[in-house]
Amino acid sequence: MPRAIPRLFSRAPLCCELRMIRRQTRDNSKGNGNRWFYSCGECGHMVFDDWEGIRDGNPLCECKEISRGQKERGRDYVFRCARGECEYRSEDEEDEEDEEDKEDD
């Protein structure tokens, strides 16, 4: 029997004053195949329902909750609010330092 993936939410989160709908992704080029997520039927906002990218040491978001590290646009590694409750976005400082080192070379 396959092991269940731990869920981030105990109940469906609210968006546009309605409960979001839980779904599962299909295989895709972003590496998010078969991940569970919630989506809003009104505005299309989505948030993953797993612990992927959530680690001790990640910065807190604007609502003082955990953040999720993730790749965006194929190259940028950023942190975002794991629960999708605020607009927090922060680039990984190590990646920024690596880019600066490359520019100095």
PDB file of N, CA and C in Angstrom:
ATOM      1  N   MET A   1       0.844  -1.174   0.000  1.00  0.00           N
ATOM      2  CA  MET A   1       0.000   0.000   0.000  1.00  0.00           C
ATOM      3  C   MET A   1       0.893   1.242   0.000  1.00  0.00           C
ATOM      4  N   PRO A   2       0.659   2.215  -0.915  1.00  0.00           N
ATOM      5  CA  PRO A   2       1.501   3.403  -0.961  1.00  0.00           C
ATOM      6  C   PRO A   2       1.346   4.256   0.296  1.00  0.00           C
ATOM      7  N   ARG A   3       2.439   4.876   0.670  1.00  0.00           N
ATOM      8  CA  ARG A   3       2.439   5.743   1.840  1.00  0.00           C
ATOM      9  C   ARG A   3       1.737   7.055   1.534  1.00  0.00           C
ATOM     10  N   ALA A   4       0.905   7.518   2.435  1.00  0.00           N
ATOM     11  CA  ALA A   4       0.192   8.783   2.236  1.00  0.00           C
ATOM     12  C   ALA A   4       1.156   9.951   2.414  1.00  0.00           C
ATOM     13  N   ILE A   5       1.016  10.957   1.580  1.00  0.00           N
ATOM     14  CA  ILE A   5       1.829  12.155   1.679  1.00  0.00           C
ATOM     15  C   ILE A   5       1.227  13.054   2.754  1.00  0.00           C
ATOM     16  N   PRO A   6       2.041  13.512   3.716  1.00  0.00           N
ATOM     17  CA  PRO A   6       1.497  14.381   4.768  1.00  0.00           C
ATOM     18  C   PRO A   6       0.891  15.654   4.181  1.00  0.00           C
ATOM     19  N   ARG A   7      -0.263  16.008   4.684  1.00  0.00           N
ATOM     20  CA  ARG A   7      -0.970  17.190   4.203  1.00  0.00           C
ATOM     21  C   ARG A   7      -0.567  18.418   5.011  1.00  0.00           C
ATOM     22  N   LEU A   8      -0.519  19.551   4.351  1.00  0.00           N
ATOM     23  CA  LEU A   8      -0.228  20.816   5.021  1.00  0.00           C
ATOM     24  C   LEU A   8      -1.472  21.365   5.713  1.00  0.00           C
ATOM     25  N   PHE A   9      -2.631  21.175   5.104  1.00  0.00           N
ATOM     26  CA  PHE A   9      -3.887  21.712   5.632  1.00  0.00           C
ATOM     27  C   PHE A   9      -4.741  20.600   6.238  1.00  0.00           C
ATOM     28  N   SER A  10      -5.340  20.860   7.399  1.00  0.00           N
ATOM     29  CA  SER A  10      -6.263  19.890   7.990  1.00  0.00           C
ATOM     30  C   SER A  10      -7.664  20.045   7.395  1.00  0.00           C
ATOM     31  N   ARG A  11      -7.988  21.237   6.891  1.00  0.00           N
ATOM     32  CA  ARG A  11      -9.240  21.473   6.156  1.00  0.00           C
ATOM     33  C   ARG A  11      -8.954  22.408   4.989  1.00  0.00           C
ATOM     34  N   ALA A  12      -9.844  22.389   4.040  1.00  0.00           N
ATOM     35  CA  ALA A  12      -9.664  23.218   2.850  1.00  0.00           C
ATOM     36  C   ALA A  12      -9.577  24.692   3.237  1.00  0.00           C
ATOM     37  N   PRO A  13      -8.545  25.397   2.736  1.00  0.00           N
ATOM     38  CA  PRO A  13      -8.430  26.818   3.055  1.00  0.00           C
ATOM     39  C   PRO A  13      -9.502  27.646   2.350  1.00  0.00           C
ATOM     40  N   LEU A  14      -9.700  28.852   2.862  1.00  0.00           N
ATOM     41  CA  LEU A  14     -10.659  29.782   2.267  1.00  0.00           C
ATOM     42  C   LEU A  14      -9.973  30.687   1.254  1.00  0.00           C
ATOM     43  N   CYS A  15     -10.699  31.026   0.197  1.00  0.00           N
ATOM     44  CA  CYS A  15     -10.269  32.016  -0.783  1.00  0.00           C
ATOM     45  C   CYS A  15     -11.540  32.603  -1.382  1.00  0.00           C
ATOM     46  N   CYS A  16     -11.596  33.893  -1.562  1.00  0.00           N
ATOM     47  CA  CYS A  16     -12.803  34.559  -2.081  1.00  0.00           C
ATOM     48  C   CYS A  16     -14.033  34.176  -1.249  1.00  0.00           C
ATOM     49  N   GLU A  17     -13.818  33.996   0.063  1.00  0.00           N
ATOM     50  CA  GLU A  17     -14.863  33.649   1.035  1.00  0.00           C
ATOM     51  C   GLU A  17     -15.502  32.276   0.800  1.00  0.00           C
ATOM     52  N   LEU A  18     -14.831  31.417   0.032  1.00  0.00           N
ATOM     53  CA  LEU A  18     -15.307  30.051  -0.238  1.00  0.00           C
ATOM     54  C   LEU A  18     -14.188  29.061   0.060  1.00  0.00           C
ATOM     55  N   ARG A  19     -14.556  27.813   0.372  1.00  0.00           N
ATOM     56  CA  ARG A  19     -13.558  26.756   0.555  1.00  0.00           C
ATOM     57  C   ARG A  19     -12.953  26.407  -0.803  1.00  0.00           C
ATOM     58  N   MET A  20     -11.642  26.255  -0.819  1.00  0.00           N
ATOM     59  CA  MET A  20     -10.955  25.869  -2.050  1.00  0.00           C
ATOM     60  C   MET A  20     -11.194  24.386  -2.330  1.00  0.00           C
ATOM     61  N   ILE A  21     -10.973  23.969  -3.569  1.00  0.00           N
ATOM     62  CA  ILE A  21     -11.202  22.594  -4.010  1.00  0.00           C
ATOM     63  C   ILE A  21      -9.863  21.865  -4.094  1.00  0.00           C
ATOM     64  N   ARG A  22      -9.790  20.657  -3.509  1.00  0.00           N
ATOM     65  CA  ARG A  22      -8.548  19.869  -3.516  1.00  0.00           C
ATOM     66  C   ARG A  22      -8.477  19.034  -4.788  1.00  0.00           C
ATOM     67  N   ARG A  23      -7.323  19.104  -5.444  1.00  0.00           N
ATOM     68  CA  ARG A  23      -7.096  18.365  -6.693  1.00  0.00           C
ATOM     69  C   ARG A  23      -5.668  17.825  -6.704  1.00  0.00           C
ATOM     70  N   GLN A  24      -5.383  17.036  -7.743  1.00  0.00           N
ATOM     71  CA  GLN A  24      -4.037  16.495  -7.899  1.00  0.00           C
ATOM     72  C   GLN A  24      -3.507  16.871  -9.276  1.00  0.00           C
ATOM     73  N   THR A  25      -2.237  17.302  -9.317  1.00  0.00           N
ATOM     74  CA  THR A  25      -1.641  17.679 -10.597  1.00  0.00           C
ATOM     75  C   THR A  25      -1.378  16.445 -11.445  1.00  0.00           C
ATOM     76  N   ARG A  26      -1.267  16.679 -12.714  1.00  0.00           N
ATOM     77  CA  ARG A  26      -0.817  15.640 -13.649  1.00  0.00           C
ATOM     78  C   ARG A  26       0.679  15.834 -13.829  1.00  0.00           C
ATOM     79  N   ASP A  27       1.304  14.911 -14.535  1.00  0.00           N
ATOM     80  CA  ASP A  27       2.723  15.079 -14.839  1.00  0.00           C
ATOM     81  C   ASP A  27       2.904  16.378 -15.608  1.00  0.00           C
ATOM     82  N   ASN A  28       3.971  17.112 -15.268  1.00  0.00           N
ATOM     83  CA  ASN A  28       4.258  18.336 -16.005  1.00  0.00           C
ATOM     84  C   ASN A  28       5.757  18.591 -16.041  1.00  0.00           C
ATOM     85  N   SER A  29       6.161  19.525 -16.857  1.00  0.00           N
ATOM     86  CA  SER A  29       7.583  19.815 -17.047  1.00  0.00           C
ATOM     87  C   SER A  29       8.206  20.535 -15.854  1.00  0.00           C
ATOM     88  N   LYS A  30       7.404  21.002 -14.917  1.00  0.00           N
ATOM     89  CA  LYS A  30       7.920  21.726 -13.758  1.00  0.00           C
ATOM     90  C   LYS A  30       8.296  20.796 -12.607  1.00  0.00           C
ATOM     91  N   GLY A  31       8.055  19.501 -12.753  1.00  0.00           N
ATOM     92  CA  GLY A  31       8.390  18.554 -11.694  1.00  0.00           C
ATOM     93  C   GLY A  31       7.357  18.474 -10.590  1.00  0.00           C
ATOM     94  N   ASN A  32       6.150  18.943 -10.855  1.00  0.00           N
ATOM     95  CA  ASN A  32       5.099  18.938  -9.838  1.00  0.00           C
ATOM     96  C   ASN A  32       4.058  17.849 -10.073  1.00  0.00           C
ATOM     97  N   GLY A  33       4.396  16.832 -10.824  1.00  0.00           N
ATOM     98  CA  GLY A  33       3.445  15.776 -11.130  1.00  0.00           C
ATOM     99  C   GLY A  33       2.933  15.060  -9.894  1.00  0.00           C
ATOM    100  N   ASN A  34       1.642  14.793  -9.876  1.00  0.00           N
ATOM    101  CA  ASN A  34       0.965  14.034  -8.820  1.00  0.00           C
ATOM    102  C   ASN A  34       0.980  14.709  -7.448  1.00  0.00           C
ATOM    103  N   ARG A  35       1.178  16.017  -7.409  1.00  0.00           N
ATOM    104  CA  ARG A  35       1.116  16.740  -6.129  1.00  0.00           C
ATOM    105  C   ARG A  35      -0.312  17.208  -5.885  1.00  0.00           C
ATOM    106  N   TRP A  36      -0.746  17.121  -4.623  1.00  0.00           N
ATOM    107  CA  TRP A  36      -2.063  17.602  -4.234  1.00  0.00           C
ATOM    108  C   TRP A  36      -2.009  19.102  -4.004  1.00  0.00           C
ATOM    109  N   PHE A  37      -3.067  19.788  -4.397  1.00  0.00           N
ATOM    110  CA  PHE A  37      -3.151  21.229  -4.213  1.00  0.00           C
ATOM    111  C   PHE A  37      -4.605  21.647  -4.063  1.00  0.00           C
ATOM    112  N   TYR A  38      -4.801  22.863  -3.573  1.00  0.00           N
ATOM    113  CA  TYR A  38      -6.129  23.464  -3.504  1.00  0.00           C
ATOM    114  C   TYR A  38      -6.190  24.581  -4.524  1.00  0.00           C
ATOM    115  N   SER A  39      -7.346  24.724  -5.164  1.00  0.00           N
ATOM    116  CA  SER A  39      -7.539  25.837  -6.089  1.00  0.00           C
ATOM    117  C   SER A  39      -8.870  26.512  -5.802  1.00  0.00           C
ATOM    118  N   CYS A  40      -8.901  27.803  -6.092  1.00  0.00           N
ATOM    119  CA  CYS A  40     -10.105  28.604  -5.891  1.00  0.00           C
ATOM    120  C   CYS A  40     -10.913  28.608  -7.183  1.00  0.00           C
ATOM    121  N   GLY A  41     -12.182  28.258  -7.081  1.00  0.00           N
ATOM    122  CA  GLY A  41     -13.058  28.256  -8.246  1.00  0.00           C
ATOM    123  C   GLY A  41     -13.410  29.645  -8.739  1.00  0.00           C
ATOM    124  N   GLU A  42     -13.187  30.659  -7.900  1.00  0.00           N
ATOM    125  CA  GLU A  42     -13.515  32.041  -8.271  1.00  0.00           C
ATOM    126  C   GLU A  42     -12.353  32.739  -8.976  1.00  0.00           C
ATOM    127  N   CYS A  43     -11.182  32.749  -8.344  1.00  0.00           N
ATOM    128  CA  CYS A  43     -10.064  33.541  -8.881  1.00  0.00           C
ATOM    129  C   CYS A  43      -8.932  32.697  -9.471  1.00  0.00           C
ATOM    130  N   GLY A  44      -8.945  31.369  -9.246  1.00  0.00           N
ATOM    131  CA  GLY A  44      -7.902  30.507  -9.788  1.00  0.00           C
ATOM    132  C   GLY A  44      -6.651  30.400  -8.924  1.00  0.00           C
ATOM    133  N   HIS A  45      -6.612  31.099  -7.791  1.00  0.00           N
ATOM    134  CA  HIS A  45      -5.459  31.003  -6.884  1.00  0.00           C
ATOM    135  C   HIS A  45      -5.267  29.543  -6.480  1.00  0.00           C
ATOM    136  N   MET A  46      -4.005  29.116  -6.328  1.00  0.00           N
ATOM    137  CA  MET A  46      -3.745  27.738  -5.910  1.00  0.00           C
ATOM    138  C   MET A  46      -2.645  27.710  -4.865  1.00  0.00           C
ATOM    139  N   VAL A  47      -2.665  26.630  -4.067  1.00  0.00           N
ATOM    140  CA  VAL A  47      -1.645  26.411  -3.050  1.00  0.00           C
ATOM    141  C   VAL A  47      -1.481  24.898  -2.874  1.00  0.00           C
ATOM    142  N   PHE A  48      -0.213  24.442  -2.817  1.00  0.00           N
ATOM    143  CA  PHE A  48       0.047  23.016  -2.658  1.00  0.00           C
ATOM    144  C   PHE A  48      -0.303  22.546  -1.254  1.00  0.00           C
ATOM    145  N   ASP A  49      -0.779  21.308  -1.159  1.00  0.00           N
ATOM    146  CA  ASP A  49      -1.168  20.703   0.116  1.00  0.00           C
ATOM    147  C   ASP A  49      -0.160  19.625   0.509  1.00  0.00           C
ATOM    148  N   ASP A  50       1.112  20.000   0.556  1.00  0.00           N
ATOM    149  CA  ASP A  50       2.157  19.069   0.980  1.00  0.00           C
ATOM    150  C   ASP A  50       3.284  19.868   1.632  1.00  0.00           C
ATOM    151  N   TRP A  51       4.315  19.176   2.025  1.00  0.00           N
ATOM    152  CA  TRP A  51       5.427  19.817   2.734  1.00  0.00           C
ATOM    153  C   TRP A  51       6.658  19.976   1.843  1.00  0.00           C
ATOM    154  N   GLU A  52       6.509  19.811   0.553  1.00  0.00           N
ATOM    155  CA  GLU A  52       7.616  19.969  -0.396  1.00  0.00           C
ATOM    156  C   GLU A  52       8.195  21.384  -0.289  1.00  0.00           C
ATOM    157  N   GLY A  53       9.504  21.494  -0.081  1.00  0.00           N
ATOM    158  CA  GLY A  53      10.174  22.794  -0.015  1.00  0.00           C
ATOM    159  C   GLY A  53      10.071  23.503   1.326  1.00  0.00           C
ATOM    160  N   ILE A  54       9.391  22.894   2.294  1.00  0.00           N
ATOM    161  CA  ILE A  54       9.248  23.503   3.620  1.00  0.00           C
ATOM    162  C   ILE A  54      10.302  22.874   4.531  1.00  0.00           C
ATOM    163  N   ARG A  55      11.224  23.695   5.009  1.00  0.00           N
ATOM    164  CA  ARG A  55      12.349  23.198   5.799  1.00  0.00           C
ATOM    165  C   ARG A  55      12.584  24.100   7.010  1.00  0.00           C
ATOM    166  N   ASP A  56      13.168  23.526   8.060  1.00  0.00           N
ATOM    167  CA  ASP A  56      13.642  24.351   9.174  1.00  0.00           C
ATOM    168  C   ASP A  56      14.653  25.336   8.599  1.00  0.00           C
ATOM    169  N   GLY A  57      14.580  26.564   9.022  1.00  0.00           N
ATOM    170  CA  GLY A  57      15.515  27.570   8.528  1.00  0.00           C
ATOM    171  C   GLY A  57      14.960  28.421   7.403  1.00  0.00           C
ATOM    172  N   ASN A  58      13.848  28.008   6.790  1.00  0.00           N
ATOM    173  CA  ASN A  58      13.216  28.875   5.792  1.00  0.00           C
ATOM    174  C   ASN A  58      12.751  30.149   6.491  1.00  0.00           C
ATOM    175  N   PRO A  59      12.797  31.284   5.804  1.00  0.00           N
ATOM    176  CA  PRO A  59      12.337  32.524   6.444  1.00  0.00           C
ATOM    177  C   PRO A  59      10.830  32.500   6.690  1.00  0.00           C
ATOM    178  N   LEU A  60      10.390  33.292   7.666  1.00  0.00           N
ATOM    179  CA  LEU A  60       8.954  33.453   7.897  1.00  0.00           C
ATOM    180  C   LEU A  60       8.410  34.427   6.861  1.00  0.00           C
ATOM    181  N   CYS A  61       7.171  34.205   6.458  1.00  0.00           N
ATOM    182  CA  CYS A  61       6.540  35.094   5.487  1.00  0.00           C
ATOM    183  C   CYS A  61       5.975  36.319   6.198  1.00  0.00           C
ATOM    184  N   GLU A  62       5.268  37.176   5.460  1.00  0.00           N
ATOM    185  CA  GLU A  62       4.711  38.408   6.031  1.00  0.00           C
ATOM    186  C   GLU A  62       3.649  38.142   7.095  1.00  0.00           C
ATOM    187  N   CYS A  63       2.971  36.989   7.025  1.00  0.00           N
ATOM    188  CA  CYS A  63       1.971  36.673   8.053  1.00  0.00           C
ATOM    189  C   CYS A  63       2.579  35.844   9.189  1.00  0.00           C
ATOM    190  N   LYS A  64       3.931  35.830   9.243  1.00  0.00           N
ATOM    191  CA  LYS A  64       4.689  35.163  10.318  1.00  0.00           C
ATOM    192  C   LYS A  64       4.457  33.656  10.354  1.00  0.00           C
ATOM    193  N   GLU A  65       4.237  33.075   9.185  1.00  0.00           N
ATOM    194  CA  GLU A  65       4.055  31.628   9.054  1.00  0.00           C
ATOM    195  C   GLU A  65       5.237  31.048   8.277  1.00  0.00           C
ATOM    196  N   ILE A  66       5.235  29.753   8.101  1.00  0.00           N
ATOM    197  CA  ILE A  66       6.305  29.076   7.375  1.00  0.00           C
ATOM    198  C   ILE A  66       6.294  29.468   5.902  1.00  0.00           C
ATOM    199  N   SER A  67       7.472  29.416   5.287  1.00  0.00           N
ATOM    200  CA  SER A  67       7.555  29.664   3.849  1.00  0.00           C
ATOM    201  C   SER A  67       7.989  28.379   3.152  1.00  0.00           C
ATOM    202  N   ARG A  68       7.746  28.339   1.862  1.00  0.00           N
ATOM    203  CA  ARG A  68       8.087  27.190   1.029  1.00  0.00           C
ATOM    204  C   ARG A  68       9.130  27.645   0.012  1.00  0.00           C
ATOM    205  N   GLY A  69      10.233  26.915  -0.081  1.00  0.00           N
ATOM    206  CA  GLY A  69      11.228  27.186  -1.110  1.00  0.00           C
ATOM    207  C   GLY A  69      10.824  26.485  -2.392  1.00  0.00           C
ATOM    208  N   GLN A  70      10.936  27.200  -3.508  1.00  0.00           N
ATOM    209  CA  GLN A  70      10.532  26.616  -4.793  1.00  0.00           C
ATOM    210  C   GLN A  70      11.252  27.293  -5.941  1.00  0.00           C
ATOM    211  N   LYS A  71      11.375  26.563  -7.053  1.00  0.00           N
ATOM    212  CA  LYS A  71      11.953  27.131  -8.269  1.00  0.00           C
ATOM    213  C   LYS A  71      10.853  27.823  -9.043  1.00  0.00           C
ATOM    214  N   GLU A  72      11.179  28.981  -9.594  1.00  0.00           N
ATOM    215  CA  GLU A  72      10.216  29.706 -10.419  1.00  0.00           C
ATOM    216  C   GLU A  72      10.852  30.044 -11.753  1.00  0.00           C
ATOM    217  N   ARG A  73      10.063  29.987 -12.775  1.00  0.00           N
ATOM    218  CA  ARG A  73      10.500  30.315 -14.130  1.00  0.00           C
ATOM    219  C   ARG A  73      11.755  29.550 -14.526  1.00  0.00           C
ATOM    220  N   GLY A  74      11.874  28.340 -13.995  1.00  0.00           N
ATOM    221  CA  GLY A  74      12.957  27.471 -14.407  1.00  0.00           C
ATOM    222  C   GLY A  74      14.321  27.770 -13.818  1.00  0.00           C
ATOM    223  N   ARG A  75      14.501  28.901 -13.104  1.00  0.00           N
ATOM    224  CA  ARG A  75      15.840  29.170 -12.585  1.00  0.00           C
ATOM    225  C   ARG A  75      15.863  29.814 -11.208  1.00  0.00           C
ATOM    226  N   ASP A  76      14.972  30.746 -10.918  1.00  0.00           N
ATOM    227  CA  ASP A  76      14.995  31.451  -9.637  1.00  0.00           C
ATOM    228  C   ASP A  76      14.489  30.555  -8.513  1.00  0.00           C
ATOM    229  N   TYR A  77      15.260  30.477  -7.417  1.00  0.00           N
ATOM    230  CA  TYR A  77      14.810  29.768  -6.225  1.00  0.00           C
ATOM    231  C   TYR A  77      14.310  30.827  -5.265  1.00  0.00           C
ATOM    232  N   VAL A  78      13.033  30.759  -4.927  1.00  0.00           N
ATOM    233  CA  VAL A  78      12.412  31.779  -4.083  1.00  0.00           C
ATOM    234  C   VAL A  78      11.675  31.121  -2.924  1.00  0.00           C
ATOM    235  N   PHE A  79      11.387  31.933  -1.924  1.00  0.00           N
ATOM    236  CA  PHE A  79      10.544  31.506  -0.818  1.00  0.00           C
ATOM    237  C   PHE A  79       9.223  32.246  -0.940  1.00  0.00           C
ATOM    238  N   ARG A  80       8.127  31.520  -0.716  1.00  0.00           N
ATOM    239  CA  ARG A  80       6.782  32.092  -0.741  1.00  0.00           C
ATOM    240  C   ARG A  80       6.020  31.577   0.470  1.00  0.00           C
ATOM    241  N   CYS A  81       4.962  32.289   0.839  1.00  0.00           N
ATOM    242  CA  CYS A  81       4.101  31.850   1.934  1.00  0.00           C
ATOM    243  C   CYS A  81       3.595  30.442   1.607  1.00  0.00           C
ATOM    244  N   ALA A  82       3.878  29.477   2.470  1.00  0.00           N
ATOM    245  CA  ALA A  82       3.497  28.087   2.201  1.00  0.00           C
ATOM    246  C   ALA A  82       1.991  27.895   2.162  1.00  0.00           C
ATOM    247  N   ARG A  83       1.271  28.719   2.897  1.00  0.00           N
ATOM    248  CA  ARG A  83      -0.184  28.597   2.945  1.00  0.00           C
ATOM    249  C   ARG A  83      -0.884  29.496   1.937  1.00  0.00           C
ATOM    250  N   GLY A  84      -0.131  30.319   1.225  1.00  0.00           N
ATOM    251  CA  GLY A  84      -0.720  31.184   0.216  1.00  0.00           C
ATOM    252  C   GLY A  84      -1.573  32.303   0.781  1.00  0.00           C
ATOM    253  N   GLU A  85      -1.336  32.661   2.036  1.00  0.00           N
ATOM    254  CA  GLU A  85      -2.165  33.673   2.693  1.00  0.00           C
ATOM    255  C   GLU A  85      -1.657  35.094   2.500  1.00  0.00           C
ATOM    256  N   CYS A  86      -0.403  35.255   2.118  1.00  0.00           N
ATOM    257  CA  CYS A  86       0.127  36.600   1.868  1.00  0.00           C
ATOM    258  C   CYS A  86       0.922  36.577   0.561  1.00  0.00           C
ATOM    259  N   GLU A  87       1.377  37.725   0.133  1.00  0.00           N
ATOM    260  CA  GLU A  87       2.088  37.854  -1.146  1.00  0.00           C
ATOM    261  C   GLU A  87       3.606  37.752  -0.982  1.00  0.00           C
ATOM    262  N   TYR A  88       4.063  37.155   0.120  1.00  0.00           N
ATOM    263  CA  TYR A  88       5.495  37.077   0.405  1.00  0.00           C
ATOM    264  C   TYR A  88       6.255  36.406  -0.735  1.00  0.00           C
ATOM    265  N   ARG A  89       7.365  37.037  -1.139  1.00  0.00           N
ATOM    266  CA  ARG A  89       8.278  36.465  -2.130  1.00  0.00           C
ATOM    267  C   ARG A  89       9.673  36.960  -1.796  1.00  0.00           C
ATOM    268  N   SER A  90      10.596  36.049  -1.583  1.00  0.00           N
ATOM    269  CA  SER A  90      11.968  36.412  -1.257  1.00  0.00           C
ATOM    270  C   SER A  90      12.905  35.477  -2.000  1.00  0.00           C
ATOM    271  N   GLU A  91      13.871  36.048  -2.732  1.00  0.00           N
ATOM    272  CA  GLU A  91      14.848  35.218  -3.428  1.00  0.00           C
ATOM    273  C   GLU A  91      15.840  34.662  -2.430  1.00  0.00           C
ATOM    274  N   ASP A  92      16.339  33.468  -2.721  1.00  0.00           N
ATOM    275  CA  ASP A  92      17.318  32.813  -1.856  1.00  0.00           C
ATOM    276  C   ASP A  92      18.598  33.635  -1.854  1.00  0.00           C
ATOM    277  N   GLU A  93      19.036  34.071  -0.673  1.00  0.00           N
ATOM    278  CA  GLU A  93      20.224  34.913  -0.563  1.00  0.00           C
ATOM    279  C   GLU A  93      21.467  34.209  -1.072  1.00  0.00           C
ATOM    280  N   GLU A  94      21.572  32.885  -0.879  1.00  0.00           N
ATOM    281  CA  GLU A  94      22.735  32.151  -1.369  1.00  0.00           C
ATOM    282  C   GLU A  94      22.799  32.215  -2.881  1.00  0.00           C
ATOM    283  N   ASP A  95      21.651  32.081  -3.567  1.00  0.00           N
ATOM    284  CA  ASP A  95      21.624  32.171  -5.016  1.00  0.00           C
ATOM    285  C   ASP A  95      22.048  33.559  -5.472  1.00  0.00           C
ATOM    286  N   GLU A  96      21.615  34.610  -4.752  1.00  0.00           N
ATOM    287  CA  GLU A  96      21.993  35.970  -5.103  1.00  0.00           C
ATOM    288  C   GLU A  96      23.500  36.149  -4.955  1.00  0.00           C
ATOM    289  N   GLU A  97      24.093  35.596  -3.874  1.00  0.00           N
ATOM    290  CA  GLU A  97      25.529  35.706  -3.669  1.00  0.00           C
ATOM    291  C   GLU A  97      26.280  34.962  -4.762  1.00  0.00           C
ATOM    292  N   ASP A  98      25.795  33.785  -5.169  1.00  0.00           N
ATOM    293  CA  ASP A  98      26.421  33.024  -6.247  1.00  0.00           C
ATOM    294  C   ASP A  98      26.425  33.831  -7.533  1.00  0.00           C
ATOM    295  N   GLU A  99      25.312  34.514  -7.839  1.00  0.00           N
ATOM    296  CA  GLU A  99      25.214  35.329  -9.047  1.00  0.00           C
ATOM    297  C   GLU A  99      26.212  36.483  -8.992  1.00  0.00           C
ATOM    298  N   GLU A 100      26.349  37.127  -7.810  1.00  0.00           N
ATOM    299  CA  GLU A 100      27.291  38.232  -7.661  1.00  0.00           C
ATOM    300  C   GLU A 100      28.719  37.736  -7.853  1.00  0.00           C
ATOM    301  N   ASP A 101      29.050  36.543  -7.316  1.00  0.00           N
ATOM    302  CA  ASP A 101      30.383  35.975  -7.483  1.00  0.00           C
ATOM    303  C   ASP A 101      30.683  35.727  -8.952  1.00  0.00           C
ATOM    304  N   LYS A 102      29.699  35.239  -9.713  1.00  0.00           N
ATOM    305  CA  LYS A 102      29.884  34.986 -11.141  1.00  0.00           C
ATOM    306  C   LYS A 102      30.148  36.286 -11.892  1.00  0.00           C
ATOM    307  N   GLU A 103      29.452  37.368 -11.485  1.00  0.00           N
ATOM    308  CA  GLU A 103      29.631  38.659 -12.144  1.00  0.00           C
ATOM    309  C   GLU A 103      31.018  39.223 -11.869  1.00  0.00           C
ATOM    310  N   ASP A 104      31.582  38.937 -10.668  1.00  0.00           N
ATOM    311  CA  ASP A 104      32.902  39.445 -10.306  1.00  0.00           C
ATOM    312  C   ASP A 104      34.017  38.724 -11.056  1.00  0.00           C
ATOM    313  N   ASP A 105      33.764  37.505 -11.525  1.00  0.00           N
ATOM    314  CA  ASP A 105      34.798  36.709 -12.216  1.00  0.00           C
ATOM    315  C   ASP A 105      35.122  37.237 -13.584  1.00  0.00           C
TER     316      ASP A 105
END
